[in-house]
Amino acid sequence: MLNNVLIMVFAMFLVIKGATLSTKYAVRLAEGYKLSKYVVGLIVVAVISILPETFIAINSALEGVPDFGLGTLFGSNVADLSLLFAVVVFLAGRNIRISGNIIKESYVYPILLILPLVLGGDGYYSRWEGCALVLSGSLFYYLAFKNGSDGVGFSKRLGNRYKNVAWLLLSLSMLLVGAHFTVTSATSLARDLGVNEILIGMLIVGLGTIMPELFFALKAVKSHSDSMAVGDVLGTVLADATIVVGILAIISPFAFPRIIVFVTGVFMVLAAAILFYFMRSGRTLTKKESFALLFFWIAFVVVEVLINGLR
């Protein structure tokens, strides 16, 4: 058991470090393009941020435990939409400003998160349903990119482009290796402890996969780029729930316990609805509201432990 713990810790370190480095060098490659900070966070950084969950989900499917990957995706999304924002606001020591673009999407966003719940209500994702999820997520990103292309641009400094590409490829390799050993060690640890492997995915691996978004958001807020921080998190969550789940279904349609959709999925949608409600109030996210999000995440953990502990 100790070996599995050590392997999982090291594998998660590779996942977090690889995602952090890939985010850093992806942003450097994106510099010089006339995009708003919100769009760069929503699309460029978010695309990199979803890689830990994506690689883990794909590896879990290859290992024959697709429900582990789905639980990790939805569990990390709940943490992103609640715990992460609570931590960022607390550590920032100030309110987080919300841009007009985010307010405009406050009604469409939760609806898109409901789509994977509706399609997966029968405990199965087919290839057609996977295509529908990928298309819906891609359309959202296309419209966000189109509407945000005339924003405030970054500086023209591109730096050493080849060096950035090399580091990006290296960090992605770290992600891939770490994701593989995260899945194998976590499932083995769950068997050793007699714990439901889905619970390990949601609460341990899922928390590990949000570290890149957390580190990036803290850095962005520190430099008063609030829109980039919020865009990264929202983009990551939507991509996980639509595009990543859709790609998994297209590669190999899979069945899973419906309780993941009925409990974890519902918590994900509720977290998004509550978060956007707070964001619309005064176009800020306050410390008081961040504590409410923290208690919401704690409630999610308690419910998951009770339900999955009984299975």
C-alpha atoms as a PDB file:
ATOM      1  CA  MET A   1       0.000   0.000   0.000  1.00  0.00           C
ATOM      2  CA  LEU A   2       2.841   2.382   0.836  1.00  0.00           C
ATOM      3  CA  ASN A   3       4.265   1.900  -2.648  1.00  0.00           C
ATOM      4  CA  ASN A   4       0.943   2.923  -4.201  1.00  0.00           C
ATOM      5  CA  VAL A   5       0.807   6.029  -2.001  1.00  0.00           C
ATOM      6  CA  LEU A   6       4.335   7.076  -2.979  1.00  0.00           C
ATOM      7  CA  ILE A   7       3.695   6.412  -6.665  1.00  0.00           C
ATOM      8  CA  MET A   8       0.439   8.401  -6.583  1.00  0.00           C
ATOM      9  CA  VAL A   9       2.091  11.339  -4.816  1.00  0.00           C
ATOM     10  CA  PHE A  10       4.927  11.432  -7.342  1.00  0.00           C
ATOM     11  CA  ALA A  11       2.523  10.964 -10.265  1.00  0.00           C
ATOM     12  CA  MET A  12       0.340  13.843  -9.035  1.00  0.00           C
ATOM     13  CA  PHE A  13       3.471  15.966  -8.699  1.00  0.00           C
ATOM     14  CA  LEU A  14       4.223  15.289 -12.374  1.00  0.00           C
ATOM     15  CA  VAL A  15       0.639  16.164 -13.314  1.00  0.00           C
ATOM     16  CA  ILE A  16       0.645  19.439 -11.369  1.00  0.00           C
ATOM     17  CA  LYS A  17       4.149  20.470 -12.423  1.00  0.00           C
ATOM     18  CA  GLY A  18       3.523  19.538 -16.038  1.00  0.00           C
ATOM     19  CA  ALA A  19       0.240  21.460 -16.138  1.00  0.00           C
ATOM     20  CA  THR A  20       1.773  24.505 -14.456  1.00  0.00           C
ATOM     21  CA  LEU A  21       4.700  24.620 -16.901  1.00  0.00           C
ATOM     22  CA  SER A  22       2.512  23.984 -19.939  1.00  0.00           C
ATOM     23  CA  THR A  23       0.184  26.798 -18.883  1.00  0.00           C
ATOM     24  CA  LYS A  24       3.136  29.151 -18.494  1.00  0.00           C
ATOM     25  CA  TYR A  25       4.608  28.431 -21.915  1.00  0.00           C
ATOM     26  CA  ALA A  26       1.228  28.295 -23.664  1.00  0.00           C
ATOM     27  CA  VAL A  27       0.552  31.850 -22.462  1.00  0.00           C
ATOM     28  CA  ARG A  28       3.967  32.947 -23.721  1.00  0.00           C
ATOM     29  CA  LEU A  29       3.193  31.501 -27.144  1.00  0.00           C
ATOM     30  CA  ALA A  30      -0.161  33.296 -27.120  1.00  0.00           C
ATOM     31  CA  GLU A  31       1.434  36.688 -26.428  1.00  0.00           C
ATOM     32  CA  GLY A  32       1.345  39.129 -29.305  1.00  0.00           C
ATOM     33  CA  TYR A  33      -2.146  38.162 -30.465  1.00  0.00           C
ATOM     34  CA  LYS A  34      -4.917  40.731 -30.106  1.00  0.00           C
ATOM     35  CA  LEU A  35      -7.142  38.872 -27.680  1.00  0.00           C
ATOM     36  CA  SER A  36      -8.739  40.022 -24.459  1.00  0.00           C
ATOM     37  CA  LYS A  37      -7.298  38.642 -21.255  1.00  0.00           C
ATOM     38  CA  TYR A  38     -10.624  36.935 -20.580  1.00  0.00           C
ATOM     39  CA  VAL A  39     -10.506  35.066 -23.896  1.00  0.00           C
ATOM     40  CA  VAL A  40      -6.877  34.013 -23.392  1.00  0.00           C
ATOM     41  CA  GLY A  41      -7.841  32.638 -19.988  1.00  0.00           C
ATOM     42  CA  LEU A  42     -11.045  31.045 -21.283  1.00  0.00           C
ATOM     43  CA  ILE A  43      -9.478  29.382 -24.330  1.00  0.00           C
ATOM     44  CA  VAL A  44      -5.659  29.315 -24.408  1.00  0.00           C
ATOM     45  CA  VAL A  45      -4.974  28.662 -20.721  1.00  0.00           C
ATOM     46  CA  ALA A  46      -8.091  26.541 -20.224  1.00  0.00           C
ATOM     47  CA  VAL A  47      -7.112  24.212 -23.070  1.00  0.00           C
ATOM     48  CA  ILE A  48      -3.881  23.454 -21.231  1.00  0.00           C
ATOM     49  CA  SER A  49      -5.595  23.316 -17.839  1.00  0.00           C
ATOM     50  CA  ILE A  50      -7.951  20.523 -18.917  1.00  0.00           C
ATOM     51  CA  LEU A  51      -5.078  18.245 -19.896  1.00  0.00           C
ATOM     52  CA  PRO A  52      -4.569  16.670 -16.435  1.00  0.00           C
ATOM     53  CA  GLU A  53      -8.228  15.594 -16.253  1.00  0.00           C
ATOM     54  CA  THR A  54      -8.222  14.626 -19.928  1.00  0.00           C
ATOM     55  CA  PHE A  55      -5.166  12.403 -19.707  1.00  0.00           C
ATOM     56  CA  ILE A  56      -6.410  10.847 -16.467  1.00  0.00           C
ATOM     57  CA  ALA A  57      -9.868  10.221 -17.969  1.00  0.00           C
ATOM     58  CA  ILE A  58      -8.407   8.646 -21.121  1.00  0.00           C
ATOM     59  CA  ASN A  59      -6.056   6.473 -19.096  1.00  0.00           C
ATOM     60  CA  SER A  60      -8.886   5.400 -16.812  1.00  0.00           C
ATOM     61  CA  ALA A  61     -10.914   4.343 -19.864  1.00  0.00           C
ATOM     62  CA  LEU A  62      -7.945   2.373 -21.205  1.00  0.00           C
ATOM     63  CA  GLU A  63      -7.552   0.725 -17.790  1.00  0.00           C
ATOM     64  CA  GLY A  64     -11.216  -0.320 -17.860  1.00  0.00           C
ATOM     65  CA  VAL A  65     -12.450   2.123 -15.175  1.00  0.00           C
ATOM     66  CA  PRO A  66     -14.163   4.929 -17.153  1.00  0.00           C
ATOM     67  CA  ASP A  67     -16.340   5.816 -14.152  1.00  0.00           C
ATOM     68  CA  PHE A  68     -13.140   6.777 -12.288  1.00  0.00           C
ATOM     69  CA  GLY A  69     -12.334   9.284 -15.063  1.00  0.00           C
ATOM     70  CA  LEU A  70     -15.867  10.683 -15.176  1.00  0.00           C
ATOM     71  CA  GLY A  71     -15.947  11.044 -11.399  1.00  0.00           C
ATOM     72  CA  THR A  72     -12.617  12.869 -11.526  1.00  0.00           C
ATOM     73  CA  LEU A  73     -13.921  15.249 -14.221  1.00  0.00           C
ATOM     74  CA  PHE A  74     -17.149  16.155 -12.433  1.00  0.00           C
ATOM     75  CA  GLY A  75     -15.525  16.206  -8.985  1.00  0.00           C
ATOM     76  CA  SER A  76     -12.771  18.567 -10.118  1.00  0.00           C
ATOM     77  CA  ASN A  77     -15.406  20.801 -11.731  1.00  0.00           C
ATOM     78  CA  VAL A  78     -17.296  21.162  -8.445  1.00  0.00           C
ATOM     79  CA  ALA A  79     -14.031  22.058  -6.696  1.00  0.00           C
ATOM     80  CA  ASP A  80     -13.128  24.542  -9.453  1.00  0.00           C
ATOM     81  CA  LEU A  81     -16.472  26.350  -9.200  1.00  0.00           C
ATOM     82  CA  SER A  82     -16.548  26.520  -5.397  1.00  0.00           C
ATOM     83  CA  LEU A  83     -13.384  25.692  -3.437  1.00  0.00           C
ATOM     84  CA  LEU A  84     -10.968  27.285  -5.911  1.00  0.00           C
ATOM     85  CA  PHE A  85     -12.773  30.647  -5.975  1.00  0.00           C
ATOM     86  CA  ALA A  86     -13.070  30.602  -2.185  1.00  0.00           C
ATOM     87  CA  VAL A  87      -9.308  30.100  -1.825  1.00  0.00           C
ATOM     88  CA  VAL A  88      -8.433  32.725  -4.455  1.00  0.00           C
ATOM     89  CA  VAL A  89     -10.632  35.418  -2.889  1.00  0.00           C
ATOM     90  CA  PHE A  90      -9.337  34.624   0.600  1.00  0.00           C
ATOM     91  CA  LEU A  91      -5.666  34.716  -0.411  1.00  0.00           C
ATOM     92  CA  ALA A  92      -6.121  37.770  -2.637  1.00  0.00           C
ATOM     93  CA  GLY A  93      -7.513  39.708   0.321  1.00  0.00           C
ATOM     94  CA  ARG A  94      -9.899  41.629  -1.928  1.00  0.00           C
ATOM     95  CA  ASN A  95     -13.015  41.232  -4.056  1.00  0.00           C
ATOM     96  CA  ILE A  96     -12.608  39.682  -7.521  1.00  0.00           C
ATOM     97  CA  ARG A  97     -13.875  41.922 -10.327  1.00  0.00           C
ATOM     98  CA  ILE A  98     -16.156  40.333 -12.923  1.00  0.00           C
ATOM     99  CA  SER A  99     -16.077  41.554 -16.536  1.00  0.00           C
ATOM    100  CA  GLY A 100     -19.106  42.216 -18.732  1.00  0.00           C
ATOM    101  CA  ASN A 101     -18.324  39.222 -20.981  1.00  0.00           C
ATOM    102  CA  ILE A 102     -18.747  36.869 -18.047  1.00  0.00           C
ATOM    103  CA  ILE A 103     -22.053  38.456 -17.047  1.00  0.00           C
ATOM    104  CA  LYS A 104     -23.371  37.959 -20.603  1.00  0.00           C
ATOM    105  CA  GLU A 105     -22.643  34.231 -20.370  1.00  0.00           C
ATOM    106  CA  SER A 106     -24.193  33.806 -16.930  1.00  0.00           C
ATOM    107  CA  TYR A 107     -27.405  32.328 -18.358  1.00  0.00           C
ATOM    108  CA  VAL A 108     -25.963  30.161 -21.144  1.00  0.00           C
ATOM    109  CA  TYR A 109     -23.124  28.623 -19.133  1.00  0.00           C
ATOM    110  CA  PRO A 110     -25.145  26.598 -16.562  1.00  0.00           C
ATOM    111  CA  ILE A 111     -27.442  25.381 -19.353  1.00  0.00           C
ATOM    112  CA  LEU A 112     -24.463  23.935 -21.233  1.00  0.00           C
ATOM    113  CA  LEU A 113     -23.368  22.150 -18.051  1.00  0.00           C
ATOM    114  CA  ILE A 114     -26.805  20.514 -17.860  1.00  0.00           C
ATOM    115  CA  LEU A 115     -26.342  18.903 -21.299  1.00  0.00           C
ATOM    116  CA  PRO A 116     -23.958  16.101 -20.161  1.00  0.00           C
ATOM    117  CA  LEU A 117     -26.373  15.346 -17.307  1.00  0.00           C
ATOM    118  CA  VAL A 118     -29.326  15.025 -19.692  1.00  0.00           C
ATOM    119  CA  LEU A 119     -27.423  12.885 -22.197  1.00  0.00           C
ATOM    120  CA  GLY A 120     -25.902  10.722 -19.470  1.00  0.00           C
ATOM    121  CA  GLY A 121     -29.080  10.301 -17.461  1.00  0.00           C
ATOM    122  CA  ASP A 122     -29.341   6.661 -18.560  1.00  0.00           C
ATOM    123  CA  GLY A 123     -25.825   5.840 -17.348  1.00  0.00           C
ATOM    124  CA  TYR A 124     -24.340   5.557 -20.830  1.00  0.00           C
ATOM    125  CA  TYR A 125     -22.623   7.873 -23.332  1.00  0.00           C
ATOM    126  CA  SER A 126     -22.865   6.857 -26.993  1.00  0.00           C
ATOM    127  CA  ARG A 127     -20.746   8.177 -29.855  1.00  0.00           C
ATOM    128  CA  TRP A 128     -23.630  10.357 -31.056  1.00  0.00           C
ATOM    129  CA  GLU A 129     -23.982  11.861 -27.599  1.00  0.00           C
ATOM    130  CA  GLY A 130     -20.226  12.384 -27.520  1.00  0.00           C
ATOM    131  CA  CYS A 131     -20.420  14.280 -30.827  1.00  0.00           C
ATOM    132  CA  ALA A 132     -23.229  16.455 -29.432  1.00  0.00           C
ATOM    133  CA  LEU A 133     -21.138  17.333 -26.365  1.00  0.00           C
ATOM    134  CA  VAL A 134     -18.043  18.174 -28.409  1.00  0.00           C
ATOM    135  CA  LEU A 135     -20.042  20.335 -30.826  1.00  0.00           C
ATOM    136  CA  SER A 136     -21.825  22.255 -28.050  1.00  0.00           C
ATOM    137  CA  GLY A 137     -18.567  22.963 -26.228  1.00  0.00           C
ATOM    138  CA  SER A 138     -16.769  23.936 -29.441  1.00  0.00           C
ATOM    139  CA  LEU A 139     -19.577  26.308 -30.432  1.00  0.00           C
ATOM    140  CA  PHE A 140     -19.353  28.060 -27.077  1.00  0.00           C
ATOM    141  CA  TYR A 141     -15.603  28.534 -27.487  1.00  0.00           C
ATOM    142  CA  TYR A 142     -15.981  29.754 -31.068  1.00  0.00           C
ATOM    143  CA  LEU A 143     -18.483  32.412 -30.029  1.00  0.00           C
ATOM    144  CA  ALA A 144     -16.319  33.426 -27.039  1.00  0.00           C
ATOM    145  CA  PHE A 145     -13.277  33.726 -29.310  1.00  0.00           C
ATOM    146  CA  LYS A 146     -15.213  35.689 -31.921  1.00  0.00           C
ATOM    147  CA  ASN A 147     -16.718  38.105 -29.399  1.00  0.00           C
ATOM    148  CA  GLY A 148     -13.429  38.624 -27.553  1.00  0.00           C
ATOM    149  CA  SER A 149     -11.001  39.046 -30.438  1.00  0.00           C
ATOM    150  CA  ASP A 150     -11.085  42.837 -30.288  1.00  0.00           C
ATOM    151  CA  GLY A 151     -10.150  43.129 -26.636  1.00  0.00           C
ATOM    152  CA  VAL A 152      -7.050  44.523 -25.023  1.00  0.00           C
ATOM    153  CA  GLY A 153      -4.061  42.827 -26.589  1.00  0.00           C
ATOM    154  CA  PHE A 154      -0.871  41.623 -24.986  1.00  0.00           C
ATOM    155  CA  SER A 155       2.497  43.043 -25.745  1.00  0.00           C
ATOM    156  CA  LYS A 156       4.265  42.107 -28.966  1.00  0.00           C
ATOM    157  CA  ARG A 157       7.080  40.377 -27.098  1.00  0.00           C
ATOM    158  CA  LEU A 158       7.172  36.809 -28.346  1.00  0.00           C
ATOM    159  CA  GLY A 159      10.406  35.674 -26.732  1.00  0.00           C
ATOM    160  CA  ASN A 160      12.178  32.562 -27.905  1.00  0.00           C
ATOM    161  CA  ARG A 161       9.370  30.762 -29.726  1.00  0.00           C
ATOM    162  CA  TYR A 162      11.269  27.492 -30.231  1.00  0.00           C
ATOM    163  CA  LYS A 163      12.271  27.386 -26.594  1.00  0.00           C
ATOM    164  CA  ASN A 164       8.655  27.882 -25.539  1.00  0.00           C
ATOM    165  CA  VAL A 165       7.497  25.094 -27.868  1.00  0.00           C
ATOM    166  CA  ALA A 166      10.171  22.730 -26.536  1.00  0.00           C
ATOM    167  CA  TRP A 167       9.201  23.414 -22.924  1.00  0.00           C
ATOM    168  CA  LEU A 168       5.529  23.045 -23.781  1.00  0.00           C
ATOM    169  CA  LEU A 169       6.123  19.611 -25.340  1.00  0.00           C
ATOM    170  CA  LEU A 170       8.251  18.541 -22.358  1.00  0.00           C
ATOM    171  CA  SER A 171       5.616  19.641 -19.850  1.00  0.00           C
ATOM    172  CA  LEU A 172       2.889  17.834 -21.816  1.00  0.00           C
ATOM    173  CA  SER A 173       5.008  14.665 -21.675  1.00  0.00           C
ATOM    174  CA  MET A 174       5.234  15.041 -17.898  1.00  0.00           C
ATOM    175  CA  LEU A 175       1.455  15.360 -17.811  1.00  0.00           C
ATOM    176  CA  LEU A 176       0.949  12.205 -19.859  1.00  0.00           C
ATOM    177  CA  VAL A 177       3.299  10.076 -17.746  1.00  0.00           C
ATOM    178  CA  GLY A 178       1.897  11.449 -14.491  1.00  0.00           C
ATOM    179  CA  ALA A 179      -1.699  10.837 -15.595  1.00  0.00           C
ATOM    180  CA  HIS A 180      -1.000   7.177 -16.385  1.00  0.00           C
ATOM    181  CA  PHE A 181       0.551   6.406 -13.005  1.00  0.00           C
ATOM    182  CA  THR A 182      -2.044   8.494 -11.162  1.00  0.00           C
ATOM    183  CA  VAL A 183      -4.832   6.251 -12.442  1.00  0.00           C
ATOM    184  CA  THR A 184      -3.042   2.947 -11.843  1.00  0.00           C
ATOM    185  CA  SER A 185      -1.774   3.850  -8.360  1.00  0.00           C
ATOM    186  CA  ALA A 186      -5.046   5.478  -7.242  1.00  0.00           C
ATOM    187  CA  THR A 187      -7.181   2.502  -8.261  1.00  0.00           C
ATOM    188  CA  SER A 188      -4.741   0.110  -6.585  1.00  0.00           C
ATOM    189  CA  LEU A 189      -4.764   2.238  -3.418  1.00  0.00           C
ATOM    190  CA  ALA A 190      -8.569   2.244  -3.410  1.00  0.00           C
ATOM    191  CA  ARG A 191      -8.580  -1.561  -3.535  1.00  0.00           C
ATOM    192  CA  ASP A 192      -6.001  -1.754  -0.727  1.00  0.00           C
ATOM    193  CA  LEU A 193      -8.076   0.528   1.494  1.00  0.00           C
ATOM    194  CA  GLY A 194     -11.411  -0.991   0.502  1.00  0.00           C
ATOM    195  CA  VAL A 195     -12.605   2.466  -0.598  1.00  0.00           C
ATOM    196  CA  ASN A 196     -14.753   3.170  -3.654  1.00  0.00           C
ATOM    197  CA  GLU A 197     -12.338   4.162  -6.430  1.00  0.00           C
ATOM    198  CA  ILE A 198     -14.797   6.799  -7.686  1.00  0.00           C
ATOM    199  CA  LEU A 199     -14.478   8.550  -4.310  1.00  0.00           C
ATOM    200  CA  ILE A 200     -10.678   8.570  -4.698  1.00  0.00           C
ATOM    201  CA  GLY A 201     -11.090  10.104  -8.153  1.00  0.00           C
ATOM    202  CA  MET A 202     -13.510  12.814  -7.028  1.00  0.00           C
ATOM    203  CA  LEU A 203     -11.909  13.944  -3.803  1.00  0.00           C
ATOM    204  CA  ILE A 204      -8.187  13.173  -4.075  1.00  0.00           C
ATOM    205  CA  VAL A 205      -7.236  13.026  -7.749  1.00  0.00           C
ATOM    206  CA  GLY A 206      -9.885  15.636  -8.579  1.00  0.00           C
ATOM    207  CA  LEU A 207      -8.369  18.087  -6.096  1.00  0.00           C
ATOM    208  CA  GLY A 208      -4.920  17.442  -7.511  1.00  0.00           C
ATOM    209  CA  THR A 209      -6.040  18.266 -11.044  1.00  0.00           C
ATOM    210  CA  ILE A 210      -7.326  21.721 -10.048  1.00  0.00           C
ATOM    211  CA  MET A 211      -3.896  22.819  -8.812  1.00  0.00           C
ATOM    212  CA  PRO A 212      -2.818  24.279 -12.209  1.00  0.00           C
ATOM    213  CA  GLU A 213      -5.961  26.445 -12.358  1.00  0.00           C
ATOM    214  CA  LEU A 214      -5.457  27.499  -8.736  1.00  0.00           C
ATOM    215  CA  PHE A 215      -1.810  28.507  -9.226  1.00  0.00           C
ATOM    216  CA  PHE A 216      -2.609  30.369 -12.445  1.00  0.00           C
ATOM    217  CA  ALA A 217      -5.637  32.127 -10.927  1.00  0.00           C
ATOM    218  CA  LEU A 218      -3.633  33.290  -7.905  1.00  0.00           C
ATOM    219  CA  LYS A 219      -0.880  34.629 -10.139  1.00  0.00           C
ATOM    220  CA  ALA A 220      -3.384  36.390 -12.420  1.00  0.00           C
ATOM    221  CA  VAL A 221      -5.293  37.976  -9.519  1.00  0.00           C
ATOM    222  CA  LYS A 222      -2.028  39.116  -7.963  1.00  0.00           C
ATOM    223  CA  SER A 223      -1.277  41.019 -11.176  1.00  0.00           C
ATOM    224  CA  HIS A 224      -4.880  42.360 -11.198  1.00  0.00           C
ATOM    225  CA  SER A 225      -5.811  40.276 -14.265  1.00  0.00           C
ATOM    226  CA  ASP A 226      -9.056  39.064 -12.669  1.00  0.00           C
ATOM    227  CA  SER A 227     -10.745  38.361 -16.009  1.00  0.00           C
ATOM    228  CA  MET A 228      -7.972  35.983 -17.054  1.00  0.00           C
ATOM    229  CA  ALA A 229      -8.232  34.058 -13.785  1.00  0.00           C
ATOM    230  CA  VAL A 230     -12.015  33.721 -13.991  1.00  0.00           C
ATOM    231  CA  GLY A 231     -11.888  32.870 -17.696  1.00  0.00           C
ATOM    232  CA  ASP A 232      -9.395  30.056 -17.097  1.00  0.00           C
ATOM    233  CA  VAL A 233     -11.545  28.369 -14.455  1.00  0.00           C
ATOM    234  CA  LEU A 234     -14.830  28.729 -16.354  1.00  0.00           C
ATOM    235  CA  GLY A 235     -13.224  27.552 -19.578  1.00  0.00           C
ATOM    236  CA  THR A 236     -11.690  24.522 -17.877  1.00  0.00           C
ATOM    237  CA  VAL A 237     -14.977  23.459 -16.299  1.00  0.00           C
ATOM    238  CA  LEU A 238     -16.989  23.773 -19.504  1.00  0.00           C
ATOM    239  CA  ALA A 239     -14.389  21.921 -21.566  1.00  0.00           C
ATOM    240  CA  ASP A 240     -14.258  19.090 -19.003  1.00  0.00           C
ATOM    241  CA  ALA A 241     -18.035  18.671 -18.954  1.00  0.00           C
ATOM    242  CA  THR A 242     -18.584  18.821 -22.711  1.00  0.00           C
ATOM    243  CA  ILE A 243     -15.533  18.364 -24.943  1.00  0.00           C
ATOM    244  CA  VAL A 244     -13.532  15.952 -22.763  1.00  0.00           C
ATOM    245  CA  VAL A 245     -16.520  13.742 -21.907  1.00  0.00           C
ATOM    246  CA  GLY A 246     -17.548  13.870 -25.565  1.00  0.00           C
ATOM    247  CA  ILE A 247     -14.103  12.801 -26.792  1.00  0.00           C
ATOM    248  CA  LEU A 248     -14.118   9.854 -24.372  1.00  0.00           C
ATOM    249  CA  ALA A 249     -17.517   8.732 -25.674  1.00  0.00           C
ATOM    250  CA  ILE A 250     -16.396   9.091 -29.296  1.00  0.00           C
ATOM    251  CA  ILE A 251     -13.240   7.042 -28.687  1.00  0.00           C
ATOM    252  CA  SER A 252     -15.112   4.348 -26.783  1.00  0.00           C
ATOM    253  CA  PRO A 253     -18.768   4.592 -25.669  1.00  0.00           C
ATOM    254  CA  PHE A 254     -18.985   3.706 -21.983  1.00  0.00           C
ATOM    255  CA  ALA A 255     -21.403   2.957 -19.176  1.00  0.00           C
ATOM    256  CA  PHE A 256     -21.075   4.357 -15.653  1.00  0.00           C
ATOM    257  CA  PRO A 257     -23.029   4.466 -12.374  1.00  0.00           C
ATOM    258  CA  ARG A 258     -25.914   6.903 -12.839  1.00  0.00           C
ATOM    259  CA  ILE A 259     -25.315   8.246  -9.349  1.00  0.00           C
ATOM    260  CA  ILE A 260     -22.350  10.203 -10.760  1.00  0.00           C
ATOM    261  CA  VAL A 261     -24.743  12.233 -12.900  1.00  0.00           C
ATOM    262  CA  PHE A 262     -27.548  12.465 -10.354  1.00  0.00           C
ATOM    263  CA  VAL A 263     -25.330  13.586  -7.464  1.00  0.00           C
ATOM    264  CA  THR A 264     -21.960  14.873  -8.653  1.00  0.00           C
ATOM    265  CA  GLY A 265     -23.384  16.313 -11.889  1.00  0.00           C
ATOM    266  CA  VAL A 266     -26.188  18.114 -10.055  1.00  0.00           C
ATOM    267  CA  PHE A 267     -23.689  19.577  -7.574  1.00  0.00           C
ATOM    268  CA  MET A 268     -21.639  20.798 -10.560  1.00  0.00           C
ATOM    269  CA  VAL A 269     -24.599  22.624 -12.117  1.00  0.00           C
ATOM    270  CA  LEU A 270     -25.683  24.060  -8.761  1.00  0.00           C
ATOM    271  CA  ALA A 271     -22.155  25.316  -8.105  1.00  0.00           C
ATOM    272  CA  ALA A 272     -22.157  27.105 -11.475  1.00  0.00           C
ATOM    273  CA  ALA A 273     -25.597  28.650 -10.849  1.00  0.00           C
ATOM    274  CA  ILE A 274     -24.610  29.879  -7.372  1.00  0.00           C
ATOM    275  CA  LEU A 275     -21.274  31.213  -8.600  1.00  0.00           C
ATOM    276  CA  PHE A 276     -22.862  33.204 -11.430  1.00  0.00           C
ATOM    277  CA  TYR A 277     -25.536  34.524  -9.068  1.00  0.00           C
ATOM    278  CA  PHE A 278     -22.790  35.865  -6.809  1.00  0.00           C
ATOM    279  CA  MET A 279     -20.861  37.274  -9.792  1.00  0.00           C
ATOM    280  CA  ARG A 280     -23.876  39.215 -11.057  1.00  0.00           C
ATOM    281  CA  SER A 281     -24.368  40.844  -7.658  1.00  0.00           C
ATOM    282  CA  GLY A 282     -22.312  44.015  -7.924  1.00  0.00           C
ATOM    283  CA  ARG A 283     -20.080  42.428 -10.595  1.00  0.00           C
ATOM    284  CA  THR A 284     -17.713  41.225  -7.891  1.00  0.00           C
ATOM    285  CA  LEU A 285     -17.065  38.091  -5.896  1.00  0.00           C
ATOM    286  CA  THR A 286     -16.780  39.062  -2.240  1.00  0.00           C
ATOM    287  CA  LYS A 287     -15.168  37.341   0.731  1.00  0.00           C
ATOM    288  CA  LYS A 288     -18.594  36.637   2.241  1.00  0.00           C
ATOM    289  CA  GLU A 289     -19.684  34.934  -0.973  1.00  0.00           C
ATOM    290  CA  SER A 290     -16.436  32.950  -1.091  1.00  0.00           C
ATOM    291  CA  PHE A 291     -17.200  31.488   2.345  1.00  0.00           C
ATOM    292  CA  ALA A 292     -20.603  30.402   1.038  1.00  0.00           C
ATOM    293  CA  LEU A 293     -18.852  28.638  -1.846  1.00  0.00           C
ATOM    294  CA  LEU A 294     -16.496  26.947   0.621  1.00  0.00           C
ATOM    295  CA  PHE A 295     -19.401  25.596   2.679  1.00  0.00           C
ATOM    296  CA  PHE A 296     -21.047  24.403  -0.538  1.00  0.00           C
ATOM    297  CA  TRP A 297     -17.935  22.376  -1.391  1.00  0.00           C
ATOM    298  CA  ILE A 298     -17.803  20.919   2.131  1.00  0.00           C
ATOM    299  CA  ALA A 299     -21.456  19.850   1.748  1.00  0.00           C
ATOM    300  CA  PHE A 300     -20.528  18.193  -1.555  1.00  0.00           C
ATOM    301  CA  VAL A 301     -17.705  16.237   0.108  1.00  0.00           C
ATOM    302  CA  VAL A 302     -19.956  15.070   2.964  1.00  0.00           C
ATOM    303  CA  VAL A 303     -22.669  13.883   0.561  1.00  0.00           C
ATOM    304  CA  GLU A 304     -20.166  12.065  -1.658  1.00  0.00           C
ATOM    305  CA  VAL A 305     -18.539  10.316   1.296  1.00  0.00           C
ATOM    306  CA  LEU A 306     -21.917   9.214   2.654  1.00  0.00           C
ATOM    307  CA  ILE A 307     -23.234   7.982  -0.695  1.00  0.00           C
ATOM    308  CA  ASN A 308     -20.086   6.336  -2.032  1.00  0.00           C
ATOM    309  CA  GLY A 309     -19.191   4.954   1.370  1.00  0.00           C
ATOM    310  CA  LEU A 310     -22.429   2.989   1.343  1.00  0.00           C
ATOM    311  CA  ARG A 311     -21.800   1.442  -2.079  1.00  0.00           C
END
